[in-house]
Amino acid sequence: MGIATVTVTVRTIARRARLASVSQESLELRLSPEESKALADALDLALEDDQAWFWSEEWQAGERAAEADLAAGRFADFDTMEAFLADLGLDLDQVRQA
């Protein structure tokens, strides 16, 4: 299986995952042996040593907590950096001087 085929297969899987996410549906993948190999190869490439920290259990626990906060509406939107800093009890001049 060539690089182009792997890329197309992984993009197809990613597209299915995005569609499921947007529609808030579960994603069930039934992969052919070729698709499974393509996904494994792509993940191996993506998970080089400089990316390994992201897949640690500690980091993934934080990712799950952040997703739960978003799903529960525990977040705030800010129109400006100044509004964000004010919410933290800071002002832009304080941050610039730090």
PDB file of N, CA and C in Angstrom:
ATOM      1  N   MET A   1       0.859  -1.175   0.000  1.00  0.00           N
ATOM      2  CA  MET A   1       0.000   0.000   0.000  1.00  0.00           C
ATOM      3  C   MET A   1       0.899   1.230   0.000  1.00  0.00           C
ATOM      4  N   GLY A   2       0.728   2.100  -0.975  1.00  0.00           N
ATOM      5  CA  GLY A   2       1.583   3.269  -1.126  1.00  0.00           C
ATOM      6  C   GLY A   2       1.183   4.408  -0.206  1.00  0.00           C
ATOM      7  N   ILE A   3       2.042   5.411  -0.134  1.00  0.00           N
ATOM      8  CA  ILE A   3       1.800   6.580   0.717  1.00  0.00           C
ATOM      9  C   ILE A   3       0.495   7.270   0.339  1.00  0.00           C
ATOM     10  N   ALA A   4       0.217   7.409  -0.937  1.00  0.00           N
ATOM     11  CA  ALA A   4      -1.014   8.093  -1.372  1.00  0.00           C
ATOM     12  C   ALA A   4      -2.239   7.351  -0.866  1.00  0.00           C
ATOM     13  N   THR A   5      -2.210   6.035  -0.931  1.00  0.00           N
ATOM     14  CA  THR A   5      -3.346   5.242  -0.458  1.00  0.00           C
ATOM     15  C   THR A   5      -3.523   5.394   1.047  1.00  0.00           C
ATOM     16  N   VAL A   6      -2.421   5.386   1.783  1.00  0.00           N
ATOM     17  CA  VAL A   6      -2.483   5.563   3.230  1.00  0.00           C
ATOM     18  C   VAL A   6      -3.096   6.915   3.565  1.00  0.00           C
ATOM     19  N   THR A   7      -2.653   7.958   2.888  1.00  0.00           N
ATOM     20  CA  THR A   7      -3.161   9.306   3.140  1.00  0.00           C
ATOM     21  C   THR A   7      -4.654   9.389   2.877  1.00  0.00           C
ATOM     22  N   VAL A   8      -5.091   8.827   1.766  1.00  0.00           N
ATOM     23  CA  VAL A   8      -6.516   8.844   1.426  1.00  0.00           C
ATOM     24  C   VAL A   8      -7.313   8.074   2.462  1.00  0.00           C
ATOM     25  N   THR A   9      -6.824   6.920   2.885  1.00  0.00           N
ATOM     26  CA  THR A   9      -7.537   6.107   3.868  1.00  0.00           C
ATOM     27  C   THR A   9      -7.652   6.833   5.196  1.00  0.00           C
ATOM     28  N   VAL A  10      -6.568   7.411   5.677  1.00  0.00           N
ATOM     29  CA  VAL A  10      -6.599   8.127   6.949  1.00  0.00           C
ATOM     30  C   VAL A  10      -7.502   9.350   6.852  1.00  0.00           C
ATOM     31  N   ARG A  11      -7.470  10.060   5.735  1.00  0.00           N
ATOM     32  CA  ARG A  11      -8.371  11.203   5.564  1.00  0.00           C
ATOM     33  C   ARG A  11      -9.831  10.755   5.592  1.00  0.00           C
ATOM     34  N   THR A  12     -10.127   9.618   4.996  1.00  0.00           N
ATOM     35  CA  THR A  12     -11.490   9.089   5.009  1.00  0.00           C
ATOM     36  C   THR A  12     -11.926   8.783   6.438  1.00  0.00           C
ATOM     37  N   ILE A  13     -11.057   8.163   7.211  1.00  0.00           N
ATOM     38  CA  ILE A  13     -11.366   7.845   8.609  1.00  0.00           C
ATOM     39  C   ILE A  13     -11.558   9.135   9.404  1.00  0.00           C
ATOM     40  N   ALA A  14     -10.677  10.120   9.188  1.00  0.00           N
ATOM     41  CA  ALA A  14     -10.786  11.399   9.882  1.00  0.00           C
ATOM     42  C   ALA A  14     -12.095  12.097   9.537  1.00  0.00           C
ATOM     43  N   ARG A  15     -12.481  12.044   8.268  1.00  0.00           N
ATOM     44  CA  ARG A  15     -13.737  12.669   7.839  1.00  0.00           C
ATOM     45  C   ARG A  15     -14.926  12.013   8.539  1.00  0.00           C
ATOM     46  N   ARG A  16     -14.919  10.675   8.620  1.00  0.00           N
ATOM     47  CA  ARG A  16     -16.005   9.970   9.315  1.00  0.00           C
ATOM     48  C   ARG A  16     -16.062  10.397  10.784  1.00  0.00           C
ATOM     49  N   ALA A  17     -14.889  10.520  11.407  1.00  0.00           N
ATOM     50  CA  ALA A  17     -14.839  10.916  12.820  1.00  0.00           C
ATOM     51  C   ALA A  17     -15.365  12.333  13.009  1.00  0.00           C
ATOM     52  N   ARG A  18     -14.980  13.248  12.108  1.00  0.00           N
ATOM     53  CA  ARG A  18     -15.463  14.621  12.215  1.00  0.00           C
ATOM     54  C   ARG A  18     -16.976  14.699  12.049  1.00  0.00           C
ATOM     55  N   LEU A  19     -17.509  13.977  11.094  1.00  0.00           N
ATOM     56  CA  LEU A  19     -18.961  13.979  10.874  1.00  0.00           C
ATOM     57  C   LEU A  19     -19.696  13.444  12.094  1.00  0.00           C
ATOM     58  N   ALA A  20     -19.173  12.391  12.684  1.00  0.00           N
ATOM     59  CA  ALA A  20     -19.795  11.829  13.888  1.00  0.00           C
ATOM     60  C   ALA A  20     -19.731  12.835  15.031  1.00  0.00           C
ATOM     61  N   SER A  21     -18.621  13.523  15.152  1.00  0.00           N
ATOM     62  CA  SER A  21     -18.457  14.513  16.217  1.00  0.00           C
ATOM     63  C   SER A  21     -19.446  15.661  16.057  1.00  0.00           C
ATOM     64  N   VAL A  22     -19.554  16.179  14.851  1.00  0.00           N
ATOM     65  CA  VAL A  22     -20.456  17.298  14.591  1.00  0.00           C
ATOM     66  C   VAL A  22     -21.902  16.912  14.861  1.00  0.00           C
ATOM     67  N   SER A  23     -22.266  15.712  14.479  1.00  0.00           N
ATOM     68  CA  SER A  23     -23.640  15.266  14.689  1.00  0.00           C
ATOM     69  C   SER A  23     -23.837  14.641  16.066  1.00  0.00           C
ATOM     70  N   GLN A  24     -22.794  14.667  16.892  1.00  0.00           N
ATOM     71  CA  GLN A  24     -22.815  14.128  18.249  1.00  0.00           C
ATOM     72  C   GLN A  24     -23.291  12.678  18.272  1.00  0.00           C
ATOM     73  N   GLU A  25     -22.792  11.920  17.336  1.00  0.00           N
ATOM     74  CA  GLU A  25     -23.094  10.499  17.265  1.00  0.00           C
ATOM     75  C   GLU A  25     -21.838   9.705  17.573  1.00  0.00           C
ATOM     76  N   SER A  26     -22.030   8.486  18.020  1.00  0.00           N
ATOM     77  CA  SER A  26     -20.896   7.603  18.228  1.00  0.00           C
ATOM     78  C   SER A  26     -20.324   7.207  16.881  1.00  0.00           C
ATOM     79  N   LEU A  27     -19.054   6.940  16.878  1.00  0.00           N
ATOM     80  CA  LEU A  27     -18.391   6.520  15.658  1.00  0.00           C
ATOM     81  C   LEU A  27     -17.978   5.067  15.812  1.00  0.00           C
ATOM     82  N   GLU A  28     -18.448   4.268  14.917  1.00  0.00           N
ATOM     83  CA  GLU A  28     -18.034   2.873  14.883  1.00  0.00           C
ATOM     84  C   GLU A  28     -17.356   2.638  13.549  1.00  0.00           C
ATOM     85  N   LEU A  29     -16.122   2.219  13.624  1.00  0.00           N
ATOM     86  CA  LEU A  29     -15.375   1.955  12.403  1.00  0.00           C
ATOM     87  C   LEU A  29     -15.169   0.461  12.245  1.00  0.00           C
ATOM     88  N   ARG A  30     -15.459  -0.010  11.091  1.00  0.00           N
ATOM     89  CA  ARG A  30     -15.104  -1.376  10.727  1.00  0.00           C
ATOM     90  C   ARG A  30     -14.083  -1.236   9.608  1.00  0.00           C
ATOM     91  N   LEU A  31     -12.849  -1.485   9.959  1.00  0.00           N
ATOM     92  CA  LEU A  31     -11.772  -1.271   9.015  1.00  0.00           C
ATOM     93  C   LEU A  31     -11.346  -2.576   8.370  1.00  0.00           C
ATOM     94  N   SER A  32     -11.067  -2.490   7.103  1.00  0.00           N
ATOM     95  CA  SER A  32     -10.491  -3.640   6.407  1.00  0.00           C
ATOM     96  C   SER A  32      -9.069  -3.815   6.919  1.00  0.00           C
ATOM     97  N   PRO A  33      -8.458  -4.957   6.673  1.00  0.00           N
ATOM     98  CA  PRO A  33      -7.058  -5.121   7.076  1.00  0.00           C
ATOM     99  C   PRO A  33      -6.165  -4.035   6.478  1.00  0.00           C
ATOM    100  N   GLU A  34      -6.429  -3.634   5.251  1.00  0.00           N
ATOM    101  CA  GLU A  34      -5.625  -2.592   4.622  1.00  0.00           C
ATOM    102  C   GLU A  34      -5.830  -1.250   5.316  1.00  0.00           C
ATOM    103  N   GLU A  35      -7.083  -0.926   5.649  1.00  0.00           N
ATOM    104  CA  GLU A  35      -7.360   0.323   6.343  1.00  0.00           C
ATOM    105  C   GLU A  35      -6.749   0.312   7.744  1.00  0.00           C
ATOM    106  N   SER A  36      -6.827  -0.820   8.416  1.00  0.00           N
ATOM    107  CA  SER A  36      -6.231  -0.930   9.745  1.00  0.00           C
ATOM    108  C   SER A  36      -4.732  -0.679   9.687  1.00  0.00           C
ATOM    109  N   LYS A  37      -4.073  -1.262   8.701  1.00  0.00           N
ATOM    110  CA  LYS A  37      -2.633  -1.056   8.547  1.00  0.00           C
ATOM    111  C   LYS A  37      -2.333   0.398   8.217  1.00  0.00           C
ATOM    112  N   ALA A  38      -3.130   0.988   7.346  1.00  0.00           N
ATOM    113  CA  ALA A  38      -2.926   2.394   6.983  1.00  0.00           C
ATOM    114  C   ALA A  38      -3.070   3.284   8.204  1.00  0.00           C
ATOM    115  N   LEU A  39      -4.075   3.034   9.015  1.00  0.00           N
ATOM    116  CA  LEU A  39      -4.275   3.834  10.218  1.00  0.00           C
ATOM    117  C   LEU A  39      -3.119   3.642  11.190  1.00  0.00           C
ATOM    118  N   ALA A  40      -2.705   2.400  11.394  1.00  0.00           N
ATOM    119  CA  ALA A  40      -1.583   2.132  12.289  1.00  0.00           C
ATOM    120  C   ALA A  40      -0.314   2.810  11.787  1.00  0.00           C
ATOM    121  N   ASP A  41      -0.048   2.746  10.496  1.00  0.00           N
ATOM    122  CA  ASP A  41       1.139   3.388   9.927  1.00  0.00           C
ATOM    123  C   ASP A  41       1.088   4.902  10.129  1.00  0.00           C
ATOM    124  N   ALA A  42      -0.078   5.488   9.882  1.00  0.00           N
ATOM    125  CA  ALA A  42      -0.214   6.937  10.028  1.00  0.00           C
ATOM    126  C   ALA A  42      -0.039   7.354  11.483  1.00  0.00           C
ATOM    127  N   LEU A  43      -0.596   6.580  12.402  1.00  0.00           N
ATOM    128  CA  LEU A  43      -0.451   6.909  13.816  1.00  0.00           C
ATOM    129  C   LEU A  43       0.991   6.754  14.271  1.00  0.00           C
ATOM    130  N   ASP A  44       1.669   5.738  13.777  1.00  0.00           N
ATOM    131  CA  ASP A  44       3.088   5.577  14.101  1.00  0.00           C
ATOM    132  C   ASP A  44       3.878   6.805  13.674  1.00  0.00           C
ATOM    133  N   LEU A  45       3.594   7.304  12.477  1.00  0.00           N
ATOM    134  CA  LEU A  45       4.290   8.497  11.993  1.00  0.00           C
ATOM    135  C   LEU A  45       3.936   9.721  12.836  1.00  0.00           C
ATOM    136  N   ALA A  46       2.666   9.828  13.191  1.00  0.00           N
ATOM    137  CA  ALA A  46       2.201  10.993  13.935  1.00  0.00           C
ATOM    138  C   ALA A  46       2.711  10.997  15.374  1.00  0.00           C
ATOM    139  N   LEU A  47       2.948   9.819  15.892  1.00  0.00           N
ATOM    140  CA  LEU A  47       3.321   9.716  17.302  1.00  0.00           C
ATOM    141  C   LEU A  47       4.819   9.558  17.496  1.00  0.00           C
ATOM    142  N   GLU A  48       5.567  10.337  16.752  1.00  0.00           N
ATOM    143  CA  GLU A  48       7.011  10.350  16.951  1.00  0.00           C
ATOM    144  C   GLU A  48       7.281  10.757  18.396  1.00  0.00           C
ATOM    145  N   ASP A  49       8.507  10.597  18.830  1.00  0.00           N
ATOM    146  CA  ASP A  49       8.873  10.888  20.216  1.00  0.00           C
ATOM    147  C   ASP A  49       8.473  12.288  20.662  1.00  0.00           C
ATOM    148  N   ASP A  50       8.560  13.267  19.762  1.00  0.00           N
ATOM    149  CA  ASP A  50       8.233  14.638  20.166  1.00  0.00           C
ATOM    150  C   ASP A  50       6.732  14.841  20.382  1.00  0.00           C
ATOM    151  N   GLN A  51       5.923  13.863  20.034  1.00  0.00           N
ATOM    152  CA  GLN A  51       4.480  13.948  20.239  1.00  0.00           C
ATOM    153  C   GLN A  51       3.994  12.980  21.319  1.00  0.00           C
ATOM    154  N   ALA A  52       4.866  12.174  21.850  1.00  0.00           N
ATOM    155  CA  ALA A  52       4.467  11.115  22.790  1.00  0.00           C
ATOM    156  C   ALA A  52       3.794  11.671  24.046  1.00  0.00           C
ATOM    157  N   TRP A  53       4.206  12.844  24.506  1.00  0.00           N
ATOM    158  CA  TRP A  53       3.622  13.428  25.714  1.00  0.00           C
ATOM    159  C   TRP A  53       2.108  13.569  25.603  1.00  0.00           C
ATOM    160  N   PHE A  54       1.633  13.882  24.397  1.00  0.00           N
ATOM    161  CA  PHE A  54       0.199  14.100  24.213  1.00  0.00           C
ATOM    162  C   PHE A  54      -0.594  12.841  24.523  1.00  0.00           C
ATOM    163  N   TRP A  55       0.004  11.683  24.298  1.00  0.00           N
ATOM    164  CA  TRP A  55      -0.707  10.428  24.473  1.00  0.00           C
ATOM    165  C   TRP A  55      -0.482   9.796  25.832  1.00  0.00           C
ATOM    166  N   SER A  56       0.194  10.514  26.737  1.00  0.00           N
ATOM    167  CA  SER A  56       0.365   9.990  28.099  1.00  0.00           C
ATOM    168  C   SER A  56      -1.006   9.964  28.774  1.00  0.00           C
ATOM    169  N   GLU A  57      -1.172   9.070  29.735  1.00  0.00           N
ATOM    170  CA  GLU A  57      -2.463   8.957  30.431  1.00  0.00           C
ATOM    171  C   GLU A  57      -2.796  10.261  31.152  1.00  0.00           C
ATOM    172  N   GLU A  58      -1.794  10.893  31.741  1.00  0.00           N
ATOM    173  CA  GLU A  58      -2.029  12.145  32.453  1.00  0.00           C
ATOM    174  C   GLU A  58      -2.572  13.222  31.512  1.00  0.00           C
ATOM    175  N   TRP A  59      -1.950  13.374  30.347  1.00  0.00           N
ATOM    176  CA  TRP A  59      -2.404  14.400  29.401  1.00  0.00           C
ATOM    177  C   TRP A  59      -3.791  14.058  28.867  1.00  0.00           C
ATOM    178  N   GLN A  60      -4.014  12.795  28.547  1.00  0.00           N
ATOM    179  CA  GLN A  60      -5.320  12.393  28.020  1.00  0.00           C
ATOM    180  C   GLN A  60      -6.424  12.583  29.049  1.00  0.00           C
ATOM    181  N   ALA A  61      -6.109  12.408  30.339  1.00  0.00           N
ATOM    182  CA  ALA A  61      -7.103  12.676  31.390  1.00  0.00           C
ATOM    183  C   ALA A  61      -7.490  14.157  31.362  1.00  0.00           C
ATOM    184  N   GLY A  62      -6.512  15.026  31.163  1.00  0.00           N
ATOM    185  CA  GLY A  62      -6.801  16.450  31.040  1.00  0.00           C
ATOM    186  C   GLY A  62      -7.633  16.767  29.813  1.00  0.00           C
ATOM    187  N   GLU A  63      -7.336  16.083  28.703  1.00  0.00           N
ATOM    188  CA  GLU A  63      -8.123  16.268  27.474  1.00  0.00           C
ATOM    189  C   GLU A  63      -9.583  15.867  27.705  1.00  0.00           C
ATOM    190  N   ARG A  64      -9.775  14.729  28.388  1.00  0.00           N
ATOM    191  CA  ARG A  64     -11.147  14.281  28.677  1.00  0.00           C
ATOM    192  C   ARG A  64     -11.870  15.271  29.590  1.00  0.00           C
ATOM    193  N   ALA A  65     -11.159  15.807  30.579  1.00  0.00           N
ATOM    194  CA  ALA A  65     -11.761  16.792  31.484  1.00  0.00           C
ATOM    195  C   ALA A  65     -12.147  18.056  30.722  1.00  0.00           C
ATOM    196  N   ALA A  66     -11.271  18.506  29.824  1.00  0.00           N
ATOM    197  CA  ALA A  66     -11.576  19.702  29.030  1.00  0.00           C
ATOM    198  C   ALA A  66     -12.789  19.462  28.131  1.00  0.00           C
ATOM    199  N   GLU A  67     -12.863  18.295  27.499  1.00  0.00           N
ATOM    200  CA  GLU A  67     -14.017  17.968  26.650  1.00  0.00           C
ATOM    201  C   GLU A  67     -15.301  17.939  27.473  1.00  0.00           C
ATOM    202  N   ALA A  68     -15.230  17.401  28.691  1.00  0.00           N
ATOM    203  CA  ALA A  68     -16.409  17.363  29.564  1.00  0.00           C
ATOM    204  C   ALA A  68     -16.843  18.777  29.941  1.00  0.00           C
ATOM    205  N   ASP A  69     -15.879  19.651  30.240  1.00  0.00           N
ATOM    206  CA  ASP A  69     -16.209  21.043  30.551  1.00  0.00           C
ATOM    207  C   ASP A  69     -16.900  21.718  29.373  1.00  0.00           C
ATOM    208  N   LEU A  70     -16.368  21.525  28.184  1.00  0.00           N
ATOM    209  CA  LEU A  70     -16.991  22.121  26.995  1.00  0.00           C
ATOM    210  C   LEU A  70     -18.404  21.594  26.798  1.00  0.00           C
ATOM    211  N   ALA A  71     -18.576  20.283  26.907  1.00  0.00           N
ATOM    212  CA  ALA A  71     -19.895  19.669  26.703  1.00  0.00           C
ATOM    213  C   ALA A  71     -20.907  20.168  27.728  1.00  0.00           C
ATOM    214  N   ALA A  72     -20.440  20.446  28.949  1.00  0.00           N
ATOM    215  CA  ALA A  72     -21.332  20.910  30.019  1.00  0.00           C
ATOM    216  C   ALA A  72     -21.522  22.423  30.001  1.00  0.00           C
ATOM    217  N   GLY A  73     -20.872  23.103  29.059  1.00  0.00           N
ATOM    218  CA  GLY A  73     -21.033  24.548  28.963  1.00  0.00           C
ATOM    219  C   GLY A  73     -20.190  25.326  29.955  1.00  0.00           C
ATOM    220  N   ARG A  74     -19.195  24.679  30.551  1.00  0.00           N
ATOM    221  CA  ARG A  74     -18.326  25.358  31.521  1.00  0.00           C
ATOM    222  C   ARG A  74     -17.152  26.022  30.792  1.00  0.00           C
ATOM    223  N   PHE A  75     -17.463  27.112  30.113  1.00  0.00           N
ATOM    224  CA  PHE A  75     -16.439  27.879  29.429  1.00  0.00           C
ATOM    225  C   PHE A  75     -16.976  29.290  29.201  1.00  0.00           C
ATOM    226  N   ALA A  76     -16.075  30.178  28.852  1.00  0.00           N
ATOM    227  CA  ALA A  76     -16.473  31.557  28.566  1.00  0.00           C
ATOM    228  C   ALA A  76     -15.804  31.997  27.277  1.00  0.00           C
ATOM    229  N   ASP A  77     -16.505  32.804  26.520  1.00  0.00           N
ATOM    230  CA  ASP A  77     -15.959  33.409  25.310  1.00  0.00           C
ATOM    231  C   ASP A  77     -15.631  34.867  25.615  1.00  0.00           C
ATOM    232  N   PHE A  78     -14.534  35.333  25.062  1.00  0.00           N
ATOM    233  CA  PHE A  78     -14.125  36.713  25.254  1.00  0.00           C
ATOM    234  C   PHE A  78     -13.907  37.362  23.896  1.00  0.00           C
ATOM    235  N   ASP A  79     -14.388  38.579  23.761  1.00  0.00           N
ATOM    236  CA  ASP A  79     -14.233  39.309  22.501  1.00  0.00           C
ATOM    237  C   ASP A  79     -12.844  39.915  22.350  1.00  0.00           C
ATOM    238  N   THR A  80     -12.202  40.202  23.479  1.00  0.00           N
ATOM    239  CA  THR A  80     -10.882  40.820  23.419  1.00  0.00           C
ATOM    240  C   THR A  80      -9.953  40.179  24.441  1.00  0.00           C
ATOM    241  N   MET A  81      -8.663  40.356  24.239  1.00  0.00           N
ATOM    242  CA  MET A  81      -7.681  39.879  25.200  1.00  0.00           C
ATOM    243  C   MET A  81      -7.842  40.621  26.528  1.00  0.00           C
ATOM    244  N   GLU A  82      -8.172  41.896  26.445  1.00  0.00           N
ATOM    245  CA  GLU A  82      -8.372  42.680  27.662  1.00  0.00           C
ATOM    246  C   GLU A  82      -9.508  42.106  28.507  1.00  0.00           C
ATOM    247  N   ALA A  83     -10.600  41.705  27.871  1.00  0.00           N
ATOM    248  CA  ALA A  83     -11.724  41.109  28.598  1.00  0.00           C
ATOM    249  C   ALA A  83     -11.316  39.784  29.236  1.00  0.00           C
ATOM    250  N   PHE A  84     -10.529  39.002  28.520  1.00  0.00           N
ATOM    251  CA  PHE A  84     -10.034  37.735  29.063  1.00  0.00           C
ATOM    252  C   PHE A  84      -9.164  37.980  30.289  1.00  0.00           C
ATOM    253  N   LEU A  85      -8.224  38.924  30.172  1.00  0.00           N
ATOM    254  CA  LEU A  85      -7.333  39.219  31.293  1.00  0.00           C
ATOM    255  C   LEU A  85      -8.104  39.791  32.479  1.00  0.00           C
ATOM    256  N   ALA A  86      -9.096  40.631  32.209  1.00  0.00           N
ATOM    257  CA  ALA A  86      -9.914  41.190  33.294  1.00  0.00           C
ATOM    258  C   ALA A  86     -10.621  40.078  34.051  1.00  0.00           C
ATOM    259  N   ASP A  87     -11.075  39.053  33.350  1.00  0.00           N
ATOM    260  CA  ASP A  87     -11.725  37.916  33.992  1.00  0.00           C
ATOM    261  C   ASP A  87     -10.758  37.191  34.926  1.00  0.00           C
ATOM    262  N   LEU A  88      -9.472  37.242  34.602  1.00  0.00           N
ATOM    263  CA  LEU A  88      -8.443  36.628  35.439  1.00  0.00           C
ATOM    264  C   LEU A  88      -7.946  37.568  36.534  1.00  0.00           C
ATOM    265  N   GLY A  89      -8.488  38.785  36.557  1.00  0.00           N
ATOM    266  CA  GLY A  89      -8.058  39.770  37.539  1.00  0.00           C
ATOM    267  C   GLY A  89      -6.760  40.460  37.160  1.00  0.00           C
ATOM    268  N   LEU A  90      -6.434  40.453  35.884  1.00  0.00           N
ATOM    269  CA  LEU A  90      -5.209  41.086  35.386  1.00  0.00           C
ATOM    270  C   LEU A  90      -5.559  42.164  34.381  1.00  0.00           C
ATOM    271  N   ASP A  91      -4.582  43.014  34.084  1.00  0.00           N
ATOM    272  CA  ASP A  91      -4.773  43.920  32.961  1.00  0.00           C
ATOM    273  C   ASP A  91      -3.584  43.769  32.014  1.00  0.00           C
ATOM    274  N   LEU A  92      -3.744  44.263  30.826  1.00  0.00           N
ATOM    275  CA  LEU A  92      -2.750  44.064  29.779  1.00  0.00           C
ATOM    276  C   LEU A  92      -1.388  44.636  30.172  1.00  0.00           C
ATOM    277  N   ASP A  93      -1.364  45.775  30.869  1.00  0.00           N
ATOM    278  CA  ASP A  93      -0.091  46.363  31.287  1.00  0.00           C
ATOM    279  C   ASP A  93       0.651  45.443  32.249  1.00  0.00           C
ATOM    280  N   GLN A  94      -0.068  44.801  33.169  1.00  0.00           N
ATOM    281  CA  GLN A  94       0.567  43.860  34.089  1.00  0.00           C
ATOM    282  C   GLN A  94       1.213  42.702  33.331  1.00  0.00           C
ATOM    283  N   VAL A  95       0.522  42.207  32.356  1.00  0.00           N
ATOM    284  CA  VAL A  95       1.023  41.057  31.591  1.00  0.00           C
ATOM    285  C   VAL A  95       2.243  41.473  30.773  1.00  0.00           C
ATOM    286  N   ARG A  96       2.207  42.649  30.182  1.00  0.00           N
ATOM    287  CA  ARG A  96       3.330  43.130  29.381  1.00  0.00           C
ATOM    288  C   ARG A  96       4.588  43.324  30.228  1.00  0.00           C
ATOM    289  N   GLN A  97       4.410  43.713  31.479  1.00  0.00           N
ATOM    290  CA  GLN A  97       5.553  43.979  32.360  1.00  0.00           C
ATOM    291  C   GLN A  97       6.140  42.688  32.930  1.00  0.00           C
ATOM    292  N   ALA A  98       5.386  41.626  32.914  1.00  0.00           N
ATOM    293  CA  ALA A  98       5.848  40.356  33.515  1.00  0.00           C
ATOM    294  C   ALA A  98       6.918  39.682  32.702  1.00  0.00           C
TER     295      ALA A  98
END
